[in-house]
């Protein structure tokens, strides 16, 4: 074995919440684990995390730091700061090349690389991501105090988002020349009190004010967008994993035990699941816990 290489039972690619959760159980099973972490959490832009029992309102970085300390306390865990650059499989064993010339040999691989959000090219939108521009109403809707909410259309999934958000405030859907609700959808949106704004967006200013192409400005307390995502590393494709498509991006295909289509490779976290998959029962009615 190369002088710079280590041999472990499991290599975990991704040291954020999903990767740390998997690593904790592996360590407690007395497996040797190497965690490779590029240090780029998806929620690093947010000041607080919500909806996580026991951690509600805590800074995401603080949650990650505490989880990292828990996992690294186990003597069978090794931590690699940096990016996994390449991965190969030979005779049922895996080799992971980490930047800086480091090498990991493993019997199994857990993919937990997370995803990257791709935002529309609207001036001022990306600068407010995580502070007044969001993707999840359950994570950020409550703090808007039933205020003025905008949905910036990114595609058909924005209809679903606009139908949800009236539970958190008054909603305007900015179709922005990328999404046109059909007559049925228009009726359902109207029944939920959603205002449709077809004028294109020029920019976002102040906290969440939308400046339109016709000179008007719509003052809002927060904006939501159903962002498309892509997996944060090419490693799953390099290993030969198959993917599923959803309205918001591609995700690593896994079974009920989180095994991928490549023997010995497992996947978890945002890179391996999404709530809006296309594999749904045809004509299945939309169910709501509460009526409008």
C-alpha atoms as a PDB file:
ATOM      1  CA  UNK A   1       0.000   0.000   0.000  1.00  0.00           C
ATOM      2  CA  UNK A   2       1.206   3.529  -0.770  1.00  0.00           C
ATOM      3  CA  UNK A   3       2.953   5.302   2.149  1.00  0.00           C
ATOM      4  CA  UNK A   4       0.305   8.086   2.049  1.00  0.00           C
ATOM      5  CA  UNK A   5      -2.643   5.662   1.914  1.00  0.00           C
ATOM      6  CA  UNK A   6      -4.935   4.450   4.674  1.00  0.00           C
ATOM      7  CA  UNK A   7      -7.018   1.266   4.764  1.00  0.00           C
ATOM      8  CA  UNK A   8     -10.510   1.394   6.306  1.00  0.00           C
ATOM      9  CA  UNK A   9     -13.782  -0.463   6.296  1.00  0.00           C
ATOM     10  CA  UNK A  10     -15.801   2.515   4.999  1.00  0.00           C
ATOM     11  CA  UNK A  11     -14.959   5.747   3.221  1.00  0.00           C
ATOM     12  CA  UNK A  12     -17.612   8.446   3.759  1.00  0.00           C
ATOM     13  CA  UNK A  13     -17.528  11.216   1.160  1.00  0.00           C
ATOM     14  CA  UNK A  14     -19.124  14.257   2.769  1.00  0.00           C
ATOM     15  CA  UNK A  15     -18.768  15.389   6.370  1.00  0.00           C
ATOM     16  CA  UNK A  16     -21.981  17.348   6.837  1.00  0.00           C
ATOM     17  CA  UNK A  17     -25.124  16.139   8.622  1.00  0.00           C
ATOM     18  CA  UNK A  18     -25.891  13.031   6.540  1.00  0.00           C
ATOM     19  CA  UNK A  19     -22.294  11.879   6.361  1.00  0.00           C
ATOM     20  CA  UNK A  20     -21.760  12.463  10.069  1.00  0.00           C
ATOM     21  CA  UNK A  21     -24.939  10.590  10.977  1.00  0.00           C
ATOM     22  CA  UNK A  22     -23.857   7.581   8.932  1.00  0.00           C
ATOM     23  CA  UNK A  23     -20.328   7.753  10.327  1.00  0.00           C
ATOM     24  CA  UNK A  24     -21.545   7.821  13.931  1.00  0.00           C
ATOM     25  CA  UNK A  25     -23.391   4.526  13.567  1.00  0.00           C
ATOM     26  CA  UNK A  26     -20.474   2.951  11.694  1.00  0.00           C
ATOM     27  CA  UNK A  27     -18.077   4.011  14.441  1.00  0.00           C
ATOM     28  CA  UNK A  28     -20.387   2.576  17.069  1.00  0.00           C
ATOM     29  CA  UNK A  29     -20.392  -0.681  15.116  1.00  0.00           C
ATOM     30  CA  UNK A  30     -16.603  -0.601  15.598  1.00  0.00           C
ATOM     31  CA  UNK A  31     -15.900  -0.116  11.912  1.00  0.00           C
ATOM     32  CA  UNK A  32     -12.922   1.888  10.758  1.00  0.00           C
ATOM     33  CA  UNK A  33     -14.126   5.010   8.958  1.00  0.00           C
ATOM     34  CA  UNK A  34     -12.455   7.695   6.854  1.00  0.00           C
ATOM     35  CA  UNK A  35     -14.504  10.865   6.362  1.00  0.00           C
ATOM     36  CA  UNK A  36     -13.624  13.205   3.504  1.00  0.00           C
ATOM     37  CA  UNK A  37     -15.096  16.673   3.941  1.00  0.00           C
ATOM     38  CA  UNK A  38     -14.779  19.593   1.530  1.00  0.00           C
ATOM     39  CA  UNK A  39     -16.331  21.885   4.179  1.00  0.00           C
ATOM     40  CA  UNK A  40     -19.132  23.308   2.006  1.00  0.00           C
ATOM     41  CA  UNK A  41     -22.475  22.710   3.748  1.00  0.00           C
ATOM     42  CA  UNK A  42     -25.618  23.508   1.768  1.00  0.00           C
ATOM     43  CA  UNK A  43     -27.123  25.597   4.601  1.00  0.00           C
ATOM     44  CA  UNK A  44     -23.991  27.608   5.356  1.00  0.00           C
ATOM     45  CA  UNK A  45     -25.779  30.788   4.220  1.00  0.00           C
ATOM     46  CA  UNK A  46     -28.505  30.551   6.885  1.00  0.00           C
ATOM     47  CA  UNK A  47     -28.078  32.104  10.315  1.00  0.00           C
ATOM     48  CA  UNK A  48     -30.312  29.589  12.104  1.00  0.00           C
ATOM     49  CA  UNK A  49     -31.647  26.093  11.587  1.00  0.00           C
ATOM     50  CA  UNK A  50     -35.289  25.297  12.341  1.00  0.00           C
ATOM     51  CA  UNK A  51     -37.458  22.224  12.621  1.00  0.00           C
ATOM     52  CA  UNK A  52     -34.701  19.970  13.972  1.00  0.00           C
ATOM     53  CA  UNK A  53     -35.793  18.633  17.344  1.00  0.00           C
ATOM     54  CA  UNK A  54     -33.486  19.775  20.127  1.00  0.00           C
ATOM     55  CA  UNK A  55     -31.673  22.223  17.836  1.00  0.00           C
ATOM     56  CA  UNK A  56     -34.421  24.656  16.800  1.00  0.00           C
ATOM     57  CA  UNK A  57     -33.025  28.145  16.214  1.00  0.00           C
ATOM     58  CA  UNK A  58     -29.395  27.115  16.601  1.00  0.00           C
ATOM     59  CA  UNK A  59     -26.760  28.208  14.086  1.00  0.00           C
ATOM     60  CA  UNK A  60     -26.138  25.509  11.452  1.00  0.00           C
ATOM     61  CA  UNK A  61     -22.388  25.769  11.900  1.00  0.00           C
ATOM     62  CA  UNK A  62     -22.707  25.141  15.628  1.00  0.00           C
ATOM     63  CA  UNK A  63     -24.813  22.037  15.006  1.00  0.00           C
ATOM     64  CA  UNK A  64     -22.253  20.730  12.519  1.00  0.00           C
ATOM     65  CA  UNK A  65     -19.344  21.478  14.870  1.00  0.00           C
ATOM     66  CA  UNK A  66     -20.988  19.573  17.725  1.00  0.00           C
ATOM     67  CA  UNK A  67     -21.806  16.612  15.473  1.00  0.00           C
ATOM     68  CA  UNK A  68     -18.248  16.561  14.145  1.00  0.00           C
ATOM     69  CA  UNK A  69     -16.851  16.500  17.685  1.00  0.00           C
ATOM     70  CA  UNK A  70     -19.157  13.599  18.604  1.00  0.00           C
ATOM     71  CA  UNK A  71     -18.014  11.526  15.636  1.00  0.00           C
ATOM     72  CA  UNK A  72     -14.309  12.333  15.847  1.00  0.00           C
ATOM     73  CA  UNK A  73     -14.256  11.235  19.493  1.00  0.00           C
ATOM     74  CA  UNK A  74     -14.381   7.613  18.286  1.00  0.00           C
ATOM     75  CA  UNK A  75     -10.874   6.181  17.815  1.00  0.00           C
ATOM     76  CA  UNK A  76     -11.769   4.274  14.638  1.00  0.00           C
ATOM     77  CA  UNK A  77     -12.634   7.521  12.769  1.00  0.00           C
ATOM     78  CA  UNK A  78     -10.129   9.400  10.610  1.00  0.00           C
ATOM     79  CA  UNK A  79     -10.926  12.855   9.232  1.00  0.00           C
ATOM     80  CA  UNK A  80      -9.689  14.228   5.900  1.00  0.00           C
ATOM     81  CA  UNK A  81     -10.207  17.933   5.219  1.00  0.00           C
ATOM     82  CA  UNK A  82     -10.393  18.386   1.466  1.00  0.00           C
ATOM     83  CA  UNK A  83     -12.190  17.199  -1.634  1.00  0.00           C
ATOM     84  CA  UNK A  84     -12.462  13.655  -2.964  1.00  0.00           C
ATOM     85  CA  UNK A  85     -11.047  14.068  -6.466  1.00  0.00           C
ATOM     86  CA  UNK A  86     -11.421  10.558  -7.924  1.00  0.00           C
ATOM     87  CA  UNK A  87     -12.839   7.169  -6.985  1.00  0.00           C
ATOM     88  CA  UNK A  88     -12.291   3.772  -8.558  1.00  0.00           C
ATOM     89  CA  UNK A  89     -13.531   0.264  -7.844  1.00  0.00           C
ATOM     90  CA  UNK A  90     -11.397  -2.842  -8.368  1.00  0.00           C
ATOM     91  CA  UNK A  91     -12.444  -6.355  -7.364  1.00  0.00           C
ATOM     92  CA  UNK A  92     -15.013  -5.069  -4.896  1.00  0.00           C
ATOM     93  CA  UNK A  93     -12.677  -2.635  -3.171  1.00  0.00           C
ATOM     94  CA  UNK A  94     -12.561   1.131  -3.571  1.00  0.00           C
ATOM     95  CA  UNK A  95      -9.807   3.689  -3.873  1.00  0.00           C
ATOM     96  CA  UNK A  96     -10.534   7.337  -3.090  1.00  0.00           C
ATOM     97  CA  UNK A  97      -8.019   9.986  -4.136  1.00  0.00           C
ATOM     98  CA  UNK A  98      -8.163  13.054  -1.889  1.00  0.00           C
ATOM     99  CA  UNK A  99      -6.594  16.368  -2.851  1.00  0.00           C
ATOM    100  CA  UNK A 100      -3.039  16.759  -1.617  1.00  0.00           C
ATOM    101  CA  UNK A 101      -2.014  13.291  -2.780  1.00  0.00           C
ATOM    102  CA  UNK A 102      -3.772  11.365  -0.018  1.00  0.00           C
ATOM    103  CA  UNK A 103      -5.367   7.979  -0.777  1.00  0.00           C
ATOM    104  CA  UNK A 104      -8.034   5.944   1.001  1.00  0.00           C
ATOM    105  CA  UNK A 105      -8.675   2.244   0.370  1.00  0.00           C
ATOM    106  CA  UNK A 106     -12.070   1.033   1.586  1.00  0.00           C
ATOM    107  CA  UNK A 107     -14.327  -2.010   1.476  1.00  0.00           C
ATOM    108  CA  UNK A 108     -17.446   0.170   1.260  1.00  0.00           C
ATOM    109  CA  UNK A 109     -18.288   3.748   0.281  1.00  0.00           C
ATOM    110  CA  UNK A 110     -21.011   6.043   1.638  1.00  0.00           C
ATOM    111  CA  UNK A 111     -21.795   8.984  -0.632  1.00  0.00           C
ATOM    112  CA  UNK A 112     -23.051  12.027   1.290  1.00  0.00           C
ATOM    113  CA  UNK A 113     -21.701  14.906  -0.810  1.00  0.00           C
ATOM    114  CA  UNK A 114     -24.778  17.110  -0.654  1.00  0.00           C
ATOM    115  CA  UNK A 115     -26.038  19.282  -3.485  1.00  0.00           C
ATOM    116  CA  UNK A 116     -25.465  22.760  -4.901  1.00  0.00           C
ATOM    117  CA  UNK A 117     -28.406  25.107  -5.506  1.00  0.00           C
ATOM    118  CA  UNK A 118     -28.561  26.714  -8.945  1.00  0.00           C
ATOM    119  CA  UNK A 119     -30.419  30.040  -8.742  1.00  0.00           C
ATOM    120  CA  UNK A 120     -31.910  32.084 -11.593  1.00  0.00           C
ATOM    121  CA  UNK A 121     -29.648  34.817 -12.928  1.00  0.00           C
ATOM    122  CA  UNK A 122     -31.484  37.687 -11.254  1.00  0.00           C
ATOM    123  CA  UNK A 123     -29.449  40.586  -9.897  1.00  0.00           C
ATOM    124  CA  UNK A 124     -29.489  40.572  -6.091  1.00  0.00           C
ATOM    125  CA  UNK A 125     -31.021  37.111  -5.668  1.00  0.00           C
ATOM    126  CA  UNK A 126     -27.927  35.066  -4.840  1.00  0.00           C
ATOM    127  CA  UNK A 127     -26.635  37.736  -2.432  1.00  0.00           C
ATOM    128  CA  UNK A 128     -29.761  37.245  -0.290  1.00  0.00           C
ATOM    129  CA  UNK A 129     -29.808  33.440  -0.413  1.00  0.00           C
ATOM    130  CA  UNK A 130     -30.348  32.090   3.105  1.00  0.00           C
ATOM    131  CA  UNK A 131     -31.127  35.491   4.627  1.00  0.00           C
ATOM    132  CA  UNK A 132     -34.272  36.675   2.826  1.00  0.00           C
ATOM    133  CA  UNK A 133     -34.394  34.306  -0.157  1.00  0.00           C
ATOM    134  CA  UNK A 134     -35.214  30.702   0.755  1.00  0.00           C
ATOM    135  CA  UNK A 135     -36.305  27.358  -0.653  1.00  0.00           C
ATOM    136  CA  UNK A 136     -38.078  25.661   2.292  1.00  0.00           C
ATOM    137  CA  UNK A 137     -41.133  27.171   4.016  1.00  0.00           C
ATOM    138  CA  UNK A 138     -40.848  24.721   6.905  1.00  0.00           C
ATOM    139  CA  UNK A 139     -37.303  25.963   7.561  1.00  0.00           C
ATOM    140  CA  UNK A 140     -37.918  29.711   7.192  1.00  0.00           C
ATOM    141  CA  UNK A 141     -41.615  30.496   6.753  1.00  0.00           C
ATOM    142  CA  UNK A 142     -42.520  30.891  10.425  1.00  0.00           C
ATOM    143  CA  UNK A 143     -40.083  33.776  10.957  1.00  0.00           C
ATOM    144  CA  UNK A 144     -41.847  35.837   8.259  1.00  0.00           C
ATOM    145  CA  UNK A 145     -44.742  36.314  10.715  1.00  0.00           C
ATOM    146  CA  UNK A 146     -47.524  35.847   8.128  1.00  0.00           C
ATOM    147  CA  UNK A 147     -46.050  38.697   6.131  1.00  0.00           C
ATOM    148  CA  UNK A 148     -45.668  39.383   2.402  1.00  0.00           C
ATOM    149  CA  UNK A 149     -44.118  36.457   0.558  1.00  0.00           C
ATOM    150  CA  UNK A 150     -42.961  36.194  -3.040  1.00  0.00           C
ATOM    151  CA  UNK A 151     -42.369  33.029  -5.044  1.00  0.00           C
ATOM    152  CA  UNK A 152     -39.891  33.444  -7.899  1.00  0.00           C
ATOM    153  CA  UNK A 153     -40.797  30.885 -10.547  1.00  0.00           C
ATOM    154  CA  UNK A 154     -38.016  28.595 -11.633  1.00  0.00           C
ATOM    155  CA  UNK A 155     -40.188  26.014 -13.365  1.00  0.00           C
ATOM    156  CA  UNK A 156     -43.270  23.824 -12.823  1.00  0.00           C
ATOM    157  CA  UNK A 157     -42.271  23.004  -9.228  1.00  0.00           C
ATOM    158  CA  UNK A 158     -42.957  26.640  -8.339  1.00  0.00           C
ATOM    159  CA  UNK A 159     -46.690  25.934  -8.605  1.00  0.00           C
ATOM    160  CA  UNK A 160     -46.385  23.442  -5.738  1.00  0.00           C
ATOM    161  CA  UNK A 161     -44.398  25.965  -3.698  1.00  0.00           C
ATOM    162  CA  UNK A 162     -46.920  28.752  -4.319  1.00  0.00           C
ATOM    163  CA  UNK A 163     -49.767  26.445  -3.236  1.00  0.00           C
ATOM    164  CA  UNK A 164     -48.001  25.704   0.058  1.00  0.00           C
ATOM    165  CA  UNK A 165     -46.890  29.156   1.116  1.00  0.00           C
ATOM    166  CA  UNK A 166     -50.252  30.847   1.863  1.00  0.00           C
ATOM    167  CA  UNK A 167     -50.138  28.966   5.174  1.00  0.00           C
ATOM    168  CA  UNK A 168     -47.265  31.325   6.097  1.00  0.00           C
ATOM    169  CA  UNK A 169     -48.422  34.659   4.660  1.00  0.00           C
ATOM    170  CA  UNK A 170     -49.857  36.495   1.655  1.00  0.00           C
ATOM    171  CA  UNK A 171     -48.284  35.211  -1.544  1.00  0.00           C
ATOM    172  CA  UNK A 172     -47.386  36.662  -4.935  1.00  0.00           C
ATOM    173  CA  UNK A 173     -46.147  34.286  -7.651  1.00  0.00           C
ATOM    174  CA  UNK A 174     -43.709  35.967 -10.062  1.00  0.00           C
ATOM    175  CA  UNK A 175     -43.895  33.829 -13.192  1.00  0.00           C
ATOM    176  CA  UNK A 176     -40.906  35.711 -14.665  1.00  0.00           C
ATOM    177  CA  UNK A 177     -41.442  34.350 -18.199  1.00  0.00           C
ATOM    178  CA  UNK A 178     -40.378  30.826 -17.171  1.00  0.00           C
ATOM    179  CA  UNK A 179     -43.649  29.314 -15.932  1.00  0.00           C
ATOM    180  CA  UNK A 180     -47.247  29.752 -17.096  1.00  0.00           C
ATOM    181  CA  UNK A 181     -49.879  28.117 -14.851  1.00  0.00           C
ATOM    182  CA  UNK A 182     -52.561  26.285 -16.802  1.00  0.00           C
ATOM    183  CA  UNK A 183     -56.241  27.179 -16.260  1.00  0.00           C
ATOM    184  CA  UNK A 184     -56.717  24.529 -13.583  1.00  0.00           C
ATOM    185  CA  UNK A 185     -53.644  25.689 -11.706  1.00  0.00           C
ATOM    186  CA  UNK A 186     -54.751  29.322 -11.981  1.00  0.00           C
ATOM    187  CA  UNK A 187     -58.050  28.420 -10.372  1.00  0.00           C
ATOM    188  CA  UNK A 188     -56.370  26.522  -7.560  1.00  0.00           C
ATOM    189  CA  UNK A 189     -53.892  29.330  -6.931  1.00  0.00           C
ATOM    190  CA  UNK A 190     -56.709  31.880  -6.840  1.00  0.00           C
ATOM    191  CA  UNK A 191     -58.574  29.728  -4.322  1.00  0.00           C
ATOM    192  CA  UNK A 192     -55.483  29.891  -2.095  1.00  0.00           C
ATOM    193  CA  UNK A 193     -55.334  33.701  -2.463  1.00  0.00           C
ATOM    194  CA  UNK A 194     -52.137  33.716  -4.547  1.00  0.00           C
ATOM    195  CA  UNK A 195     -51.621  36.802  -6.728  1.00  0.00           C
ATOM    196  CA  UNK A 196     -50.029  36.148 -10.137  1.00  0.00           C
ATOM    197  CA  UNK A 197     -47.459  38.715 -11.341  1.00  0.00           C
ATOM    198  CA  UNK A 198     -46.379  38.092 -14.972  1.00  0.00           C
ATOM    199  CA  UNK A 199     -44.053  41.083 -15.377  1.00  0.00           C
ATOM    200  CA  UNK A 200     -40.378  40.003 -15.566  1.00  0.00           C
ATOM    201  CA  UNK A 201     -38.074  40.683 -12.617  1.00  0.00           C
ATOM    202  CA  UNK A 202     -35.160  43.075 -13.082  1.00  0.00           C
ATOM    203  CA  UNK A 203     -33.522  42.740  -9.686  1.00  0.00           C
ATOM    204  CA  UNK A 204     -34.033  42.225  -5.952  1.00  0.00           C
ATOM    205  CA  UNK A 205     -33.216  45.159  -3.664  1.00  0.00           C
ATOM    206  CA  UNK A 206     -33.413  46.047   0.040  1.00  0.00           C
ATOM    207  CA  UNK A 207     -34.463  43.017   2.093  1.00  0.00           C
ATOM    208  CA  UNK A 208     -36.665  41.273  -0.467  1.00  0.00           C
ATOM    209  CA  UNK A 209     -38.159  43.985  -2.679  1.00  0.00           C
ATOM    210  CA  UNK A 210     -38.722  42.867  -6.265  1.00  0.00           C
ATOM    211  CA  UNK A 211     -38.025  45.516  -8.935  1.00  0.00           C
ATOM    212  CA  UNK A 212     -40.026  44.752 -12.090  1.00  0.00           C
ATOM    213  CA  UNK A 213     -39.293  45.529 -15.722  1.00  0.00           C
ATOM    214  CA  UNK A 214     -42.138  48.073 -15.898  1.00  0.00           C
ATOM    215  CA  UNK A 215     -40.652  50.176 -13.082  1.00  0.00           C
ATOM    216  CA  UNK A 216     -42.882  48.948 -10.256  1.00  0.00           C
ATOM    217  CA  UNK A 217     -41.472  47.646  -6.999  1.00  0.00           C
ATOM    218  CA  UNK A 218     -43.157  44.974  -4.882  1.00  0.00           C
ATOM    219  CA  UNK A 219     -42.092  45.195  -1.231  1.00  0.00           C
ATOM    220  CA  UNK A 220     -41.890  41.772   0.402  1.00  0.00           C
ATOM    221  CA  UNK A 221     -40.692  40.239   3.651  1.00  0.00           C
ATOM    222  CA  UNK A 222     -39.182  37.167   2.019  1.00  0.00           C
ATOM    223  CA  UNK A 223     -38.784  35.335  -1.269  1.00  0.00           C
ATOM    224  CA  UNK A 224     -38.891  31.623  -2.032  1.00  0.00           C
ATOM    225  CA  UNK A 225     -37.642  29.719  -5.022  1.00  0.00           C
ATOM    226  CA  UNK A 226     -37.748  26.020  -5.870  1.00  0.00           C
ATOM    227  CA  UNK A 227     -34.086  25.919  -6.861  1.00  0.00           C
ATOM    228  CA  UNK A 228     -32.711  23.257  -9.162  1.00  0.00           C
ATOM    229  CA  UNK A 229     -29.815  21.354  -7.659  1.00  0.00           C
ATOM    230  CA  UNK A 230     -26.884  19.301  -8.838  1.00  0.00           C
ATOM    231  CA  UNK A 231     -24.762  16.835  -6.904  1.00  0.00           C
ATOM    232  CA  UNK A 232     -21.709  18.527  -5.456  1.00  0.00           C
ATOM    233  CA  UNK A 233     -19.172  16.032  -6.818  1.00  0.00           C
ATOM    234  CA  UNK A 234     -18.741  13.865  -9.950  1.00  0.00           C
ATOM    235  CA  UNK A 235     -17.713  10.890  -7.785  1.00  0.00           C
ATOM    236  CA  UNK A 236     -21.119   9.083  -7.934  1.00  0.00           C
ATOM    237  CA  UNK A 237     -21.075   9.178 -11.737  1.00  0.00           C
ATOM    238  CA  UNK A 238     -17.421   8.163 -11.783  1.00  0.00           C
ATOM    239  CA  UNK A 239     -18.276   5.066  -9.741  1.00  0.00           C
ATOM    240  CA  UNK A 240     -21.110   4.218 -12.149  1.00  0.00           C
ATOM    241  CA  UNK A 241     -24.108   5.044  -9.935  1.00  0.00           C
ATOM    242  CA  UNK A 242     -27.440   5.479 -11.691  1.00  0.00           C
ATOM    243  CA  UNK A 243     -29.601   8.535 -11.071  1.00  0.00           C
ATOM    244  CA  UNK A 244     -33.276   9.416 -10.818  1.00  0.00           C
ATOM    245  CA  UNK A 245     -34.767  12.627 -12.173  1.00  0.00           C
ATOM    246  CA  UNK A 246     -37.069  14.970 -10.289  1.00  0.00           C
ATOM    247  CA  UNK A 247     -38.502  18.368 -11.242  1.00  0.00           C
ATOM    248  CA  UNK A 248     -35.663  19.940  -9.276  1.00  0.00           C
ATOM    249  CA  UNK A 249     -32.665  17.931 -10.443  1.00  0.00           C
ATOM    250  CA  UNK A 250     -31.034  14.509 -10.566  1.00  0.00           C
ATOM    251  CA  UNK A 251     -30.434  12.372  -7.477  1.00  0.00           C
ATOM    252  CA  UNK A 252     -28.511   9.181  -6.780  1.00  0.00           C
ATOM    253  CA  UNK A 253     -30.774   6.144  -7.132  1.00  0.00           C
ATOM    254  CA  UNK A 254     -30.994   4.097  -3.918  1.00  0.00           C
ATOM    255  CA  UNK A 255     -33.142   1.288  -2.559  1.00  0.00           C
ATOM    256  CA  UNK A 256     -34.874   1.110   0.828  1.00  0.00           C
ATOM    257  CA  UNK A 257     -31.523   0.366   2.515  1.00  0.00           C
ATOM    258  CA  UNK A 258     -29.839   3.332   0.758  1.00  0.00           C
ATOM    259  CA  UNK A 259     -27.764   1.023  -1.453  1.00  0.00           C
ATOM    260  CA  UNK A 260     -26.961   2.493  -4.857  1.00  0.00           C
ATOM    261  CA  UNK A 261     -26.891   0.531  -8.103  1.00  0.00           C
ATOM    262  CA  UNK A 262     -23.157  -0.111  -7.544  1.00  0.00           C
ATOM    263  CA  UNK A 263     -22.472  -2.994  -5.105  1.00  0.00           C
ATOM    264  CA  UNK A 264     -20.749  -1.739  -1.978  1.00  0.00           C
ATOM    265  CA  UNK A 265     -21.721   1.905  -2.526  1.00  0.00           C
ATOM    266  CA  UNK A 266     -24.422   3.578  -0.437  1.00  0.00           C
ATOM    267  CA  UNK A 267     -25.786   7.135  -0.546  1.00  0.00           C
ATOM    268  CA  UNK A 268     -27.658   9.429   1.832  1.00  0.00           C
ATOM    269  CA  UNK A 269     -28.673  13.035   2.355  1.00  0.00           C
ATOM    270  CA  UNK A 270     -29.874  15.560  -0.215  1.00  0.00           C
ATOM    271  CA  UNK A 271     -27.843  13.924  -2.997  1.00  0.00           C
ATOM    272  CA  UNK A 272     -29.889  10.730  -2.625  1.00  0.00           C
ATOM    273  CA  UNK A 273     -33.464  11.822  -2.170  1.00  0.00           C
ATOM    274  CA  UNK A 274     -35.986  14.519  -2.874  1.00  0.00           C
ATOM    275  CA  UNK A 275     -39.611  15.075  -1.917  1.00  0.00           C
ATOM    276  CA  UNK A 276     -40.717  15.877  -5.485  1.00  0.00           C
ATOM    277  CA  UNK A 277     -39.746  12.789  -7.477  1.00  0.00           C
ATOM    278  CA  UNK A 278     -41.491  12.109 -10.754  1.00  0.00           C
ATOM    279  CA  UNK A 279     -42.070   8.474  -9.872  1.00  0.00           C
ATOM    280  CA  UNK A 280     -45.558   9.014  -8.506  1.00  0.00           C
ATOM    281  CA  UNK A 281     -48.815   7.158  -8.912  1.00  0.00           C
ATOM    282  CA  UNK A 282     -50.730   8.484 -11.913  1.00  0.00           C
ATOM    283  CA  UNK A 283     -53.671  10.752 -11.119  1.00  0.00           C
ATOM    284  CA  UNK A 284     -52.990  10.508  -7.417  1.00  0.00           C
ATOM    285  CA  UNK A 285     -54.941  13.315  -5.711  1.00  0.00           C
ATOM    286  CA  UNK A 286     -53.062  15.924  -3.750  1.00  0.00           C
ATOM    287  CA  UNK A 287     -53.735  15.529  -0.058  1.00  0.00           C
ATOM    288  CA  UNK A 288     -53.548  18.308   2.506  1.00  0.00           C
ATOM    289  CA  UNK A 289     -53.556  17.912   6.269  1.00  0.00           C
ATOM    290  CA  UNK A 290     -55.640  21.083   6.635  1.00  0.00           C
ATOM    291  CA  UNK A 291     -58.094  22.688   4.275  1.00  0.00           C
ATOM    292  CA  UNK A 292     -57.388  26.164   2.937  1.00  0.00           C
END
